[in-house]
PDB file of N, CA and C in Angstrom:
ATOM      1  N   MET A   1      22.059  65.113 -13.519  1.00  0.00           N
ATOM      2  CA  MET A   1      20.928  65.677 -13.015  1.00  0.00           C
ATOM      3  C   MET A   1      21.185  66.856 -11.970  1.00  0.00           C
ATOM      4  N   ALA A   2      20.701  68.025 -12.067  1.00  0.00           N
ATOM      5  CA  ALA A   2      21.187  69.160 -11.000  1.00  0.00           C
ATOM      6  C   ALA A   2      19.796  69.255 -10.169  1.00  0.00           C
ATOM      7  N   ARG A   3      20.182  69.755  -8.896  1.00  0.00           N
ATOM      8  CA  ARG A   3      18.754  70.431  -8.231  1.00  0.00           C
ATOM      9  C   ARG A   3      18.977  72.058  -8.769  1.00  0.00           C
ATOM     10  N   ILE A   4      17.759  72.367  -9.079  1.00  0.00           N
ATOM     11  CA  ILE A   4      17.141  73.645  -9.462  1.00  0.00           C
ATOM     12  C   ILE A   4      16.287  74.170  -8.746  1.00  0.00           C
ATOM     13  N   VAL A   5      16.114  75.610  -8.501  1.00  0.00           N
ATOM     14  CA  VAL A   5      15.310  76.226  -7.759  1.00  0.00           C
ATOM     15  C   VAL A   5      14.659  77.326  -8.742  1.00  0.00           C
ATOM     16  N   LEU A   6      13.421  77.773  -8.737  1.00  0.00           N
ATOM     17  CA  LEU A   6      12.853  78.539  -9.434  1.00  0.00           C
ATOM     18  C   LEU A   6      12.191  79.650  -8.552  1.00  0.00           C
ATOM     19  N   LEU A   7      12.629  80.788  -8.555  1.00  0.00           N
ATOM     20  CA  LEU A   7      12.308  81.662  -7.930  1.00  0.00           C
ATOM     21  C   LEU A   7      11.893  83.061  -8.338  1.00  0.00           C
ATOM     22  N   GLY A   8      10.547  83.389  -7.962  1.00  0.00           N
ATOM     23  CA  GLY A   8       9.703  84.499  -8.435  1.00  0.00           C
ATOM     24  C   GLY A   8       9.237  84.484  -9.736  1.00  0.00           C
ATOM     25  N   LEU A   9       9.065  83.110 -10.400  1.00  0.00           N
ATOM     26  CA  LEU A   9       8.518  83.170 -11.657  1.00  0.00           C
ATOM     27  C   LEU A   9       7.027  82.998 -11.651  1.00  0.00           C
ATOM     28  N   PRO A  10       6.332  83.570 -12.559  1.00  0.00           N
ATOM     29  CA  PRO A  10       4.846  83.396 -12.760  1.00  0.00           C
ATOM     30  C   PRO A  10       4.523  81.979 -12.893  1.00  0.00           C
ATOM     31  N   ASP A  11       3.492  81.508 -12.524  1.00  0.00           N
ATOM     32  CA  ASP A  11       3.139  79.866 -12.747  1.00  0.00           C
ATOM     33  C   ASP A  11       3.244  79.453 -14.096  1.00  0.00           C
ATOM     34  N   ASP A  12       2.747  80.230 -15.161  1.00  0.00           N
ATOM     35  CA  ASP A  12       3.039  79.992 -16.388  1.00  0.00           C
ATOM     36  C   ASP A  12       4.422  79.574 -17.073  1.00  0.00           C
ATOM     37  N   LEU A  13       5.356  80.437 -16.547  1.00  0.00           N
ATOM     38  CA  LEU A  13       6.463  80.683 -16.760  1.00  0.00           C
ATOM     39  C   LEU A  13       7.276  79.601 -16.055  1.00  0.00           C
ATOM     40  N   ALA A  14       6.984  79.365 -14.784  1.00  0.00           N
ATOM     41  CA  ALA A  14       7.667  78.381 -14.052  1.00  0.00           C
ATOM     42  C   ALA A  14       7.446  76.939 -14.634  1.00  0.00           C
ATOM     43  N   GLY A  15       6.097  76.702 -15.103  1.00  0.00           N
ATOM     44  CA  GLY A  15       5.679  75.656 -15.551  1.00  0.00           C
ATOM     45  C   GLY A  15       6.271  75.070 -16.883  1.00  0.00           C
ATOM     46  N   SER A  16       6.336  75.965 -17.665  1.00  0.00           N
ATOM     47  CA  SER A  16       7.092  75.850 -19.149  1.00  0.00           C
ATOM     48  C   SER A  16       8.570  75.298 -18.812  1.00  0.00           C
ATOM     49  N   LEU A  17       9.318  76.356 -18.009  1.00  0.00           N
ATOM     50  CA  LEU A  17      10.577  76.016 -17.864  1.00  0.00           C
ATOM     51  C   LEU A  17      10.979  74.830 -16.908  1.00  0.00           C
ATOM     52  N   GLY A  18      10.209  74.698 -16.015  1.00  0.00           N
ATOM     53  CA  GLY A  18      10.253  73.293 -15.005  1.00  0.00           C
ATOM     54  C   GLY A  18       9.951  71.936 -16.108  1.00  0.00           C
ATOM     55  N   TRP A  19       9.119  72.188 -16.908  1.00  0.00           N
ATOM     56  CA  TRP A  19       8.685  71.052 -17.860  1.00  0.00           C
ATOM     57  C   TRP A  19       9.988  70.610 -18.700  1.00  0.00           C
ATOM     58  N   VAL A  20      10.584  71.700 -19.260  1.00  0.00           N
ATOM     59  CA  VAL A  20      11.649  71.386 -20.115  1.00  0.00           C
ATOM     60  C   VAL A  20      13.129  70.986 -19.174  1.00  0.00           C
ATOM     61  N   LEU A  21      13.049  71.579 -17.870  1.00  0.00           N
ATOM     62  CA  LEU A  21      14.458  71.142 -17.169  1.00  0.00           C
ATOM     63  C   LEU A  21      14.006  69.684 -16.590  1.00  0.00           C
ATOM     64  N   ARG A  22      12.850  69.486 -16.063  1.00  0.00           N
ATOM     65  CA  ARG A  22      12.444  67.764 -15.660  1.00  0.00           C
ATOM     66  C   ARG A  22      12.572  66.870 -16.827  1.00  0.00           C
ATOM     67  N   ASP A  23      12.321  67.266 -17.881  1.00  0.00           N
ATOM     68  CA  ASP A  23      12.281  66.511 -19.147  1.00  0.00           C
ATOM     69  C   ASP A  23      14.031  66.146 -19.118  1.00  0.00           C
ATOM     70  N   GLN A  24      14.935  66.833 -19.001  1.00  0.00           N
ATOM     71  CA  GLN A  24      16.257  66.797 -19.046  1.00  0.00           C
ATOM     72  C   GLN A  24      16.689  66.161 -17.747  1.00  0.00           C
ATOM     73  N   ALA A  25      15.870  65.303 -16.882  1.00  0.00           N
ATOM     74  CA  ALA A  25      16.112  64.783 -15.759  1.00  0.00           C
ATOM     75  C   ALA A  25      16.684  65.691 -14.470  1.00  0.00           C
ATOM     76  N   HIS A  26      16.487  66.948 -14.494  1.00  0.00           N
ATOM     77  CA  HIS A  26      16.831  67.834 -13.583  1.00  0.00           C
ATOM     78  C   HIS A  26      15.681  67.797 -12.543  1.00  0.00           C
ATOM     79  N   GLN A  27      16.210  67.889 -11.322  1.00  0.00           N
ATOM     80  CA  GLN A  27      15.129  68.031  -9.947  1.00  0.00           C
ATOM     81  C   GLN A  27      14.959  69.314  -9.911  1.00  0.00           C
ATOM     82  N   VAL A  28      13.637  69.978 -10.162  1.00  0.00           N
ATOM     83  CA  VAL A  28      13.173  71.388 -10.267  1.00  0.00           C
ATOM     84  C   VAL A  28      12.171  71.399  -9.092  1.00  0.00           C
ATOM     85  N   ARG A  29      12.321  72.567  -7.982  1.00  0.00           N
ATOM     86  CA  ARG A  29      11.564  73.042  -7.099  1.00  0.00           C
ATOM     87  C   ARG A  29      11.294  74.234  -7.191  1.00  0.00           C
ATOM     88  N   LEU A  30       9.887  74.775  -6.776  1.00  0.00           N
ATOM     89  CA  LEU A  30       9.545  76.216  -6.625  1.00  0.00           C
ATOM     90  C   LEU A  30       9.859  76.704  -5.439  1.00  0.00           C
ATOM     91  N   ALA A  31      10.487  77.953  -5.374  1.00  0.00           N
ATOM     92  CA  ALA A  31      10.664  78.662  -4.073  1.00  0.00           C
ATOM     93  C   ALA A  31       9.840  79.731  -4.177  1.00  0.00           C
ATOM     94  N   PHE A  32       9.261  80.137  -3.074  1.00  0.00           N
ATOM     95  CA  PHE A  32       8.504  81.437  -2.821  1.00  0.00           C
ATOM     96  C   PHE A  32       9.108  82.746  -1.988  1.00  0.00           C
ATOM     97  N   SER A  33      10.391  82.191  -1.611  1.00  0.00           N
ATOM     98  CA  SER A  33      11.016  83.119  -0.643  1.00  0.00           C
ATOM     99  C   SER A  33      12.819  82.943  -0.847  1.00  0.00           C
ATOM    100  N   LEU A  34      13.563  83.809  -0.369  1.00  0.00           N
ATOM    101  CA  LEU A  34      15.047  83.592  -0.518  1.00  0.00           C
ATOM    102  C   LEU A  34      15.326  82.238   0.673  1.00  0.00           C
ATOM    103  N   GLN A  35      14.508  82.347   1.932  1.00  0.00           N
ATOM    104  CA  GLN A  35      14.569  81.198   2.766  1.00  0.00           C
ATOM    105  C   GLN A  35      14.527  79.847   2.194  1.00  0.00           C
ATOM    106  N   ASP A  36      13.458  79.796   1.245  1.00  0.00           N
ATOM    107  CA  ASP A  36      13.253  78.313   0.583  1.00  0.00           C
ATOM    108  C   ASP A  36      14.343  78.118  -0.492  1.00  0.00           C
ATOM    109  N   VAL A  37      14.911  78.894  -0.924  1.00  0.00           N
ATOM    110  CA  VAL A  37      16.172  78.792  -1.785  1.00  0.00           C
ATOM    111  C   VAL A  37      17.152  78.222  -0.865  1.00  0.00           C
ATOM    112  N   ARG A  38      17.485  78.906   0.333  1.00  0.00           N
ATOM    113  CA  ARG A  38      18.621  78.371   1.171  1.00  0.00           C
ATOM    114  C   ARG A  38      18.259  76.988   1.617  1.00  0.00           C
ATOM    115  N   CYS A  39      17.086  76.693   2.082  1.00  0.00           N
ATOM    116  CA  CYS A  39      16.765  75.449   2.514  1.00  0.00           C
ATOM    117  C   CYS A  39      16.781  74.279   1.607  1.00  0.00           C
ATOM    118  N   ASP A  40      16.623  74.546   0.304  1.00  0.00           N
ATOM    119  CA  ASP A  40      16.731  73.471  -0.819  1.00  0.00           C
ATOM    120  C   ASP A  40      18.084  73.242  -1.242  1.00  0.00           C
ATOM    121  N   ASN A  41      19.283  74.213  -0.998  1.00  0.00           N
ATOM    122  CA  ASN A  41      20.637  73.791  -1.075  1.00  0.00           C
ATOM    123  C   ASN A  41      20.885  73.574  -2.818  1.00  0.00           C
ATOM    124  N   PRO A  42      20.399  74.288  -3.611  1.00  0.00           N
ATOM    125  CA  PRO A  42      20.151  74.246  -4.913  1.00  0.00           C
ATOM    126  C   PRO A  42      21.932  74.272  -5.579  1.00  0.00           C
ATOM    127  N   GLU A  43      21.558  73.698  -6.897  1.00  0.00           N
ATOM    128  CA  GLU A  43      23.129  73.614  -7.623  1.00  0.00           C
ATOM    129  C   GLU A  43      23.001  75.228  -8.588  1.00  0.00           C
ATOM    130  N   VAL A  44      21.712  75.503  -8.899  1.00  0.00           N
ATOM    131  CA  VAL A  44      21.469  76.467  -9.718  1.00  0.00           C
ATOM    132  C   VAL A  44      20.134  76.902  -9.628  1.00  0.00           C
ATOM    133  N   ALA A  45      20.114  78.440  -9.453  1.00  0.00           N
ATOM    134  CA  ALA A  45      18.804  79.005  -9.321  1.00  0.00           C
ATOM    135  C   ALA A  45      18.346  80.012 -10.475  1.00  0.00           C
ATOM    136  N   PHE A  46      17.129  79.921 -10.875  1.00  0.00           N
ATOM    137  CA  PHE A  46      16.438  80.800 -12.067  1.00  0.00           C
ATOM    138  C   PHE A  46      15.754  81.788 -11.339  1.00  0.00           C
ATOM    139  N   VAL A  47      15.623  82.870 -11.513  1.00  0.00           N
ATOM    140  CA  VAL A  47      15.023  83.989 -11.021  1.00  0.00           C
ATOM    141  C   VAL A  47      14.280  84.950 -12.106  1.00  0.00           C
ATOM    142  N   SER A  48      13.052  85.224 -11.989  1.00  0.00           N
ATOM    143  CA  SER A  48      12.476  85.855 -12.912  1.00  0.00           C
ATOM    144  C   SER A  48      12.992  87.606 -13.133  1.00  0.00           C
ATOM    145  N   GLY A  49      13.239  87.645 -14.291  1.00  0.00           N
ATOM    146  CA  GLY A  49      13.675  89.236 -14.752  1.00  0.00           C
ATOM    147  C   GLY A  49      12.583  90.054 -14.908  1.00  0.00           C
ATOM    148  N   ASP A  50      11.348  89.439 -14.956  1.00  0.00           N
ATOM    149  CA  ASP A  50      10.134  90.294 -15.106  1.00  0.00           C
ATOM    150  C   ASP A  50       9.680  90.823 -14.080  1.00  0.00           C
ATOM    151  N   ASN A  51      10.150  90.223 -13.112  1.00  0.00           N
ATOM    152  CA  ASN A  51       9.725  90.559 -11.457  1.00  0.00           C
ATOM    153  C   ASN A  51      10.600  92.014 -11.064  1.00  0.00           C
ATOM    154  N   PRO A  52       9.853  93.158 -10.663  1.00  0.00           N
ATOM    155  CA  PRO A  52      10.941  94.137 -10.288  1.00  0.00           C
ATOM    156  C   PRO A  52      11.811  93.884  -9.440  1.00  0.00           C
ATOM    157  N   GLU A  53      11.707  92.853  -8.592  1.00  0.00           N
ATOM    158  CA  GLU A  53      12.417  92.676  -7.346  1.00  0.00           C
ATOM    159  C   GLU A  53      13.867  91.782  -7.541  1.00  0.00           C
ATOM    160  N   PHE A  54      13.919  91.629  -8.938  1.00  0.00           N
ATOM    161  CA  PHE A  54      14.782  90.526  -9.307  1.00  0.00           C
ATOM    162  C   PHE A  54      16.080  90.823  -9.032  1.00  0.00           C
ATOM    163  N   SER A  55      16.641  92.242  -9.025  1.00  0.00           N
ATOM    164  CA  SER A  55      17.887  92.607  -8.620  1.00  0.00           C
ATOM    165  C   SER A  55      18.059  92.570  -7.239  1.00  0.00           C
ATOM    166  N   HIS A  56      16.970  92.378  -6.280  1.00  0.00           N
ATOM    167  CA  HIS A  56      17.259  92.090  -4.899  1.00  0.00           C
ATOM    168  C   HIS A  56      17.498  90.756  -4.682  1.00  0.00           C
ATOM    169  N   TYR A  57      16.719  89.919  -5.269  1.00  0.00           N
ATOM    170  CA  TYR A  57      16.797  88.367  -5.372  1.00  0.00           C
ATOM    171  C   TYR A  57      18.366  88.162  -5.612  1.00  0.00           C
ATOM    172  N   LEU A  58      18.484  88.692  -6.887  1.00  0.00           N
ATOM    173  CA  LEU A  58      19.946  88.338  -7.227  1.00  0.00           C
ATOM    174  C   LEU A  58      20.940  88.584  -6.173  1.00  0.00           C
ATOM    175  N   ALA A  59      21.075  89.832  -5.714  1.00  0.00           N
ATOM    176  CA  ALA A  59      22.195  90.266  -4.747  1.00  0.00           C
ATOM    177  C   ALA A  59      21.795  89.606  -3.487  1.00  0.00           C
ATOM    178  N   SER A  60      20.704  88.975  -3.117  1.00  0.00           N
ATOM    179  CA  SER A  60      20.780  88.318  -1.818  1.00  0.00           C
ATOM    180  C   SER A  60      21.157  87.036  -2.176  1.00  0.00           C
ATOM    181  N   LEU A  61      20.869  86.466  -3.264  1.00  0.00           N
ATOM    182  CA  LEU A  61      21.504  85.062  -3.521  1.00  0.00           C
ATOM    183  C   LEU A  61      23.052  85.208  -3.707  1.00  0.00           C
ATOM    184  N   ARG A  62      23.475  86.100  -4.364  1.00  0.00           N
ATOM    185  CA  ARG A  62      24.965  86.018  -4.368  1.00  0.00           C
ATOM    186  C   ARG A  62      25.746  86.397  -3.200  1.00  0.00           C
ATOM    187  N   ALA A  63      24.872  87.122  -2.293  1.00  0.00           N
ATOM    188  CA  ALA A  63      25.569  87.352  -1.076  1.00  0.00           C
ATOM    189  C   ALA A  63      25.443  86.142  -0.066  1.00  0.00           C
ATOM    190  N   SER A  64      24.319  85.301  -0.191  1.00  0.00           N
ATOM    191  CA  SER A  64      24.528  84.014   0.809  1.00  0.00           C
ATOM    192  C   SER A  64      25.296  82.979  -0.019  1.00  0.00           C
ATOM    193  N   ASP A  65      25.382  82.881  -1.299  1.00  0.00           N
ATOM    194  CA  ASP A  65      26.397  81.911  -1.797  1.00  0.00           C
ATOM    195  C   ASP A  65      26.871  82.249  -3.092  1.00  0.00           C
ATOM    196  N   PRO A  66      28.114  83.104  -3.136  1.00  0.00           N
ATOM    197  CA  PRO A  66      28.565  83.672  -4.077  1.00  0.00           C
ATOM    198  C   PRO A  66      29.088  82.640  -5.308  1.00  0.00           C
ATOM    199  N   TYR A  67      28.776  81.274  -4.863  1.00  0.00           N
ATOM    200  CA  TYR A  67      29.309  80.343  -5.970  1.00  0.00           C
ATOM    201  C   TYR A  67      27.956  79.776  -6.656  1.00  0.00           C
ATOM    202  N   LEU A  68      26.728  80.192  -6.129  1.00  0.00           N
ATOM    203  CA  LEU A  68      25.638  79.678  -6.665  1.00  0.00           C
ATOM    204  C   LEU A  68      25.285  80.086  -8.115  1.00  0.00           C
ATOM    205  N   PRO A  69      25.451  79.407  -9.232  1.00  0.00           N
ATOM    206  CA  PRO A  69      25.119  80.213 -10.421  1.00  0.00           C
ATOM    207  C   PRO A  69      23.680  80.521 -10.502  1.00  0.00           C
ATOM    208  N   VAL A  70      23.303  81.571 -10.803  1.00  0.00           N
ATOM    209  CA  VAL A  70      21.882  82.389 -11.091  1.00  0.00           C
ATOM    210  C   VAL A  70      21.760  82.574 -12.386  1.00  0.00           C
ATOM    211  N   VAL A  71      20.632  81.974 -12.794  1.00  0.00           N
ATOM    212  CA  VAL A  71      20.233  82.622 -14.438  1.00  0.00           C
ATOM    213  C   VAL A  71      18.835  83.240 -14.367  1.00  0.00           C
ATOM    214  N   VAL A  72      18.905  84.484 -14.925  1.00  0.00           N
ATOM    215  CA  VAL A  72      17.873  85.409 -14.935  1.00  0.00           C
ATOM    216  C   VAL A  72      16.896  85.114 -16.391  1.00  0.00           C
ATOM    217  N   VAL A  73      15.600  84.762 -15.913  1.00  0.00           N
ATOM    218  CA  VAL A  73      14.602  84.552 -16.799  1.00  0.00           C
ATOM    219  C   VAL A  73      13.461  85.552 -17.070  1.00  0.00           C
ATOM    220  N   THR A  74      13.250  85.596 -18.434  1.00  0.00           N
ATOM    221  CA  THR A  74      12.261  86.991 -18.843  1.00  0.00           C
ATOM    222  C   THR A  74      11.505  86.385 -20.015  1.00  0.00           C
ATOM    223  N   ARG A  75      10.429  87.330 -20.308  1.00  0.00           N
ATOM    224  CA  ARG A  75       9.579  87.501 -21.412  1.00  0.00           C
ATOM    225  C   ARG A  75       9.792  88.682 -22.047  1.00  0.00           C
ATOM    226  N   LEU A  76      10.551  89.575 -21.543  1.00  0.00           N
ATOM    227  CA  LEU A  76      10.710  90.787 -21.899  1.00  0.00           C
ATOM    228  C   LEU A  76      12.071  90.868 -22.972  1.00  0.00           C
ATOM    229  N   PRO A  77      12.058  91.276 -23.895  1.00  0.00           N
ATOM    230  CA  PRO A  77      13.138  91.547 -24.797  1.00  0.00           C
ATOM    231  C   PRO A  77      13.698  92.690 -24.604  1.00  0.00           C
ATOM    232  N   ASP A  78      14.321  92.932 -23.419  1.00  0.00           N
ATOM    233  CA  ASP A  78      14.899  94.341 -23.227  1.00  0.00           C
ATOM    234  C   ASP A  78      16.479  94.148 -22.923  1.00  0.00           C
ATOM    235  N   ASN A  79      17.208  94.565 -23.867  1.00  0.00           N
ATOM    236  CA  ASN A  79      18.647  94.332 -23.736  1.00  0.00           C
ATOM    237  C   ASN A  79      19.356  95.191 -22.216  1.00  0.00           C
ATOM    238  N   SER A  80      18.602  95.972 -21.851  1.00  0.00           N
ATOM    239  CA  SER A  80      19.111  96.891 -20.677  1.00  0.00           C
ATOM    240  C   SER A  80      19.042  95.982 -19.644  1.00  0.00           C
ATOM    241  N   ARG A  81      17.849  95.136 -19.264  1.00  0.00           N
ATOM    242  CA  ARG A  81      17.795  94.221 -18.180  1.00  0.00           C
ATOM    243  C   ARG A  81      18.876  93.175 -18.382  1.00  0.00           C
ATOM    244  N   TRP A  82      19.144  92.781 -19.714  1.00  0.00           N
ATOM    245  CA  TRP A  82      19.927  91.660 -19.811  1.00  0.00           C
ATOM    246  C   TRP A  82      21.186  91.927 -19.319  1.00  0.00           C
ATOM    247  N   LEU A  83      21.686  93.458 -19.614  1.00  0.00           N
ATOM    248  CA  LEU A  83      23.065  93.695 -19.281  1.00  0.00           C
ATOM    249  C   LEU A  83      23.073  94.053 -17.628  1.00  0.00           C
ATOM    250  N   ASP A  84      21.936  94.506 -17.106  1.00  0.00           N
ATOM    251  CA  ASP A  84      21.833  94.723 -15.644  1.00  0.00           C
ATOM    252  C   ASP A  84      22.083  93.516 -15.006  1.00  0.00           C
ATOM    253  N   ALA A  85      21.365  92.491 -15.427  1.00  0.00           N
ATOM    254  CA  ALA A  85      21.547  91.034 -14.637  1.00  0.00           C
ATOM    255  C   ALA A  85      22.774  90.479 -14.798  1.00  0.00           C
ATOM    256  N   LEU A  86      23.514  90.508 -15.858  1.00  0.00           N
ATOM    257  CA  LEU A  86      24.882  89.990 -16.003  1.00  0.00           C
ATOM    258  C   LEU A  86      25.805  91.052 -14.932  1.00  0.00           C
ATOM    259  N   GLU A  87      25.492  92.200 -15.284  1.00  0.00           N
ATOM    260  CA  GLU A  87      26.523  93.059 -14.511  1.00  0.00           C
ATOM    261  C   GLU A  87      26.317  93.059 -12.795  1.00  0.00           C
ATOM    262  N   ALA A  88      25.052  92.416 -12.418  1.00  0.00           N
ATOM    263  CA  ALA A  88      24.553  92.326 -11.086  1.00  0.00           C
ATOM    264  C   ALA A  88      25.101  90.825 -10.518  1.00  0.00           C
ATOM    265  N   GLY A  89      25.618  90.000 -11.497  1.00  0.00           N
ATOM    266  CA  GLY A  89      26.293  88.744 -10.989  1.00  0.00           C
ATOM    267  C   GLY A  89      25.536  87.529 -11.688  1.00  0.00           C
ATOM    268  N   ALA A  90      24.490  87.660 -12.512  1.00  0.00           N
ATOM    269  CA  ALA A  90      23.948  86.622 -13.005  1.00  0.00           C
ATOM    270  C   ALA A  90      24.955  85.885 -13.976  1.00  0.00           C
ATOM    271  N   ARG A  91      24.697  84.564 -14.041  1.00  0.00           N
ATOM    272  CA  ARG A  91      25.768  83.691 -14.730  1.00  0.00           C
ATOM    273  C   ARG A  91      25.333  83.818 -16.165  1.00  0.00           C
ATOM    274  N   ASP A  92      23.834  83.949 -16.340  1.00  0.00           N
ATOM    275  CA  ASP A  92      23.359  83.823 -17.769  1.00  0.00           C
ATOM    276  C   ASP A  92      22.047  84.431 -17.593  1.00  0.00           C
ATOM    277  N   TYR A  93      21.215  84.688 -18.769  1.00  0.00           N
ATOM    278  CA  TYR A  93      20.035  85.235 -18.883  1.00  0.00           C
ATOM    279  C   TYR A  93      19.297  84.577 -20.175  1.00  0.00           C
ATOM    280  N   CYS A  94      18.142  84.207 -19.879  1.00  0.00           N
ATOM    281  CA  CYS A  94      17.248  83.446 -20.991  1.00  0.00           C
ATOM    282  C   CYS A  94      15.900  84.037 -21.246  1.00  0.00           C
ATOM    283  N   GLY A  95      15.346  83.887 -22.321  1.00  0.00           N
ATOM    284  CA  GLY A  95      14.092  84.231 -22.656  1.00  0.00           C
ATOM    285  C   GLY A  95      13.092  83.221 -23.034  1.00  0.00           C
ATOM    286  N   ALA A  96      11.872  83.369 -22.611  1.00  0.00           N
ATOM    287  CA  ALA A  96      10.977  82.487 -23.113  1.00  0.00           C
ATOM    288  C   ALA A  96      10.464  82.767 -24.557  1.00  0.00           C
ATOM    289  N   PRO A  97       9.992  81.762 -25.170  1.00  0.00           N
ATOM    290  CA  PRO A  97       9.690  80.379 -24.822  1.00  0.00           C
ATOM    291  C   PRO A  97      11.147  79.532 -24.937  1.00  0.00           C
ATOM    292  N   PHE A  98      11.033  78.322 -23.808  1.00  0.00           N
ATOM    293  CA  PHE A  98      12.493  77.698 -23.474  1.00  0.00           C
ATOM    294  C   PHE A  98      12.581  76.434 -24.431  1.00  0.00           C
ATOM    295  N   GLU A  99      13.615  76.103 -25.194  1.00  0.00           N
ATOM    296  CA  GLU A  99      13.695  75.184 -26.093  1.00  0.00           C
ATOM    297  C   GLU A  99      14.732  74.093 -25.313  1.00  0.00           C
ATOM    298  N   HIS A 100      14.572  72.970 -25.594  1.00  0.00           N
ATOM    299  CA  HIS A 100      15.384  71.961 -24.911  1.00  0.00           C
ATOM    300  C   HIS A 100      17.036  72.206 -25.318  1.00  0.00           C
ATOM    301  N   ALA A 101      17.482  72.566 -26.379  1.00  0.00           N
ATOM    302  CA  ALA A 101      18.812  72.869 -26.704  1.00  0.00           C
ATOM    303  C   ALA A 101      19.272  73.805 -25.995  1.00  0.00           C
ATOM    304  N   GLN A 102      18.223  74.999 -25.812  1.00  0.00           N
ATOM    305  CA  GLN A 102      18.799  76.106 -25.102  1.00  0.00           C
ATOM    306  C   GLN A 102      19.279  75.958 -23.597  1.00  0.00           C
ATOM    307  N   MET A 103      18.156  75.059 -22.832  1.00  0.00           N
ATOM    308  CA  MET A 103      18.374  74.801 -21.382  1.00  0.00           C
ATOM    309  C   MET A 103      19.529  73.767 -21.402  1.00  0.00           C
ATOM    310  N   ARG A 104      19.914  72.837 -22.308  1.00  0.00           N
ATOM    311  CA  ARG A 104      20.683  71.859 -22.127  1.00  0.00           C
ATOM    312  C   ARG A 104      22.142  72.844 -22.134  1.00  0.00           C
ATOM    313  N   TRP A 105      22.325  73.780 -23.205  1.00  0.00           N
ATOM    314  CA  TRP A 105      23.135  74.567 -23.355  1.00  0.00           C
ATOM    315  C   TRP A 105      23.662  75.504 -21.918  1.00  0.00           C
ATOM    316  N   ILE A 106      22.511  76.108 -21.343  1.00  0.00           N
ATOM    317  CA  ILE A 106      22.758  76.778 -20.259  1.00  0.00           C
ATOM    318  C   ILE A 106      23.256  75.937 -19.205  1.00  0.00           C
ATOM    319  N   MET A 107      22.513  74.793 -18.928  1.00  0.00           N
ATOM    320  CA  MET A 107      22.659  74.091 -17.637  1.00  0.00           C
ATOM    321  C   MET A 107      24.180  73.569 -17.879  1.00  0.00           C
ATOM    322  N   ASP A 108      24.565  73.073 -19.281  1.00  0.00           N
ATOM    323  CA  ASP A 108      26.049  72.562 -19.203  1.00  0.00           C
ATOM    324  C   ASP A 108      27.119  73.861 -18.997  1.00  0.00           C
ATOM    325  N   THR A 109      26.622  74.939 -19.288  1.00  0.00           N
ATOM    326  CA  THR A 109      27.716  76.351 -18.863  1.00  0.00           C
ATOM    327  C   THR A 109      27.315  76.626 -17.477  1.00  0.00           C
ATOM    328  N   VAL A 110      26.434  76.633 -16.888  1.00  0.00           N
ATOM    329  CA  VAL A 110      26.426  77.118 -15.487  1.00  0.00           C
ATOM    330  C   VAL A 110      26.600  76.053 -14.345  1.00  0.00           C
ATOM    331  N   CYS A 111      26.406  74.646 -14.692  1.00  0.00           N
ATOM    332  CA  CYS A 111      26.524  73.867 -13.791  1.00  0.00           C
ATOM    333  C   CYS A 111      27.439  72.448 -14.437  1.00  0.00           C
ATOM    334  N   PRO A 112      28.867  72.956 -14.030  1.00  0.00           N
ATOM    335  CA  PRO A 112      29.727  71.604 -14.800  1.00  0.00           C
ATOM    336  C   PRO A 112      29.312  70.567 -14.521  1.00  0.00           C
ATOM    337  N   ARG A 113      28.736  70.116 -13.137  1.00  0.00           N
ATOM    338  CA  ARG A 113      28.521  68.687 -12.903  1.00  0.00           C
ATOM    339  C   ARG A 113      27.248  68.216 -13.733  1.00  0.00           C
ATOM    340  N   SER A 114      26.347  69.219 -14.237  1.00  0.00           N
ATOM    341  CA  SER A 114      25.078  68.706 -15.105  1.00  0.00           C
ATOM    342  C   SER A 114      26.019  68.227 -16.420  1.00  0.00           C
ATOM    343  N   ALA A 115      26.833  68.928 -16.967  1.00  0.00           N
ATOM    344  CA  ALA A 115      27.564  68.552 -18.157  1.00  0.00           C
ATOM    345  C   ALA A 115      28.272  67.268 -18.100  1.00  0.00           C
ATOM    346  N   GLN A 116      28.808  67.131 -16.806  1.00  0.00           N
ATOM    347  CA  GLN A 116      29.502  65.724 -16.851  1.00  0.00           C
ATOM    348  C   GLN A 116      28.960  64.566 -16.816  1.00  0.00           C
ATOM    349  N   ARG A 117      27.611  64.670 -16.281  1.00  0.00           N
ATOM    350  CA  ARG A 117      26.867  63.455 -16.099  1.00  0.00           C
ATOM    351  C   ARG A 117      26.283  63.068 -17.621  1.00  0.00           C
ATOM    352  N   ALA A 118      25.941  64.512 -18.318  1.00  0.00           N
ATOM    353  CA  ALA A 118      25.309  64.240 -19.361  1.00  0.00           C
ATOM    354  C   ALA A 118      26.307  63.715 -20.641  1.00  0.00           C
ATOM    355  N   ALA A 119      27.696  63.611 -20.272  1.00  0.00           N
ATOM    356  CA  ALA A 119      28.675  63.277 -21.124  1.00  0.00           C
ATOM    357  C   ALA A 119      28.890  61.570 -20.779  1.00  0.00           C
ATOM    358  N   ALA A 120      28.555  61.324 -19.605  1.00  0.00           N
ATOM    359  CA  ALA A 120      29.006  59.958 -19.215  1.00  0.00           C
ATOM    360  C   ALA A 120      27.842  59.150 -19.713  1.00  0.00           C
TER     361      ALA A 120
END
């Protein structure tokens, strides 16, 4: 189980992503500001790529904790945003709708502790 924070996601997107992650026994919290993220001390952060401020969120998260894995989430099938997010320091990029296998793979990739617990 990992501590996960969702930052800047619209309610419906946060709801569907949170449901899949909670179903996999992760602890999921919504954050409404960068300060909320810092207070939660997450192991993984998911930020909205649909939000025009996602690059600001990503840069601020990377500056405050360069080891925090950040995954950018979107509904927009735009390859340039995917590349922008990865070049800005995102660990991964995923699109809705969310599937259990997809989230398991992402969590195993970005959060080694999550993969170790799943294997135990």
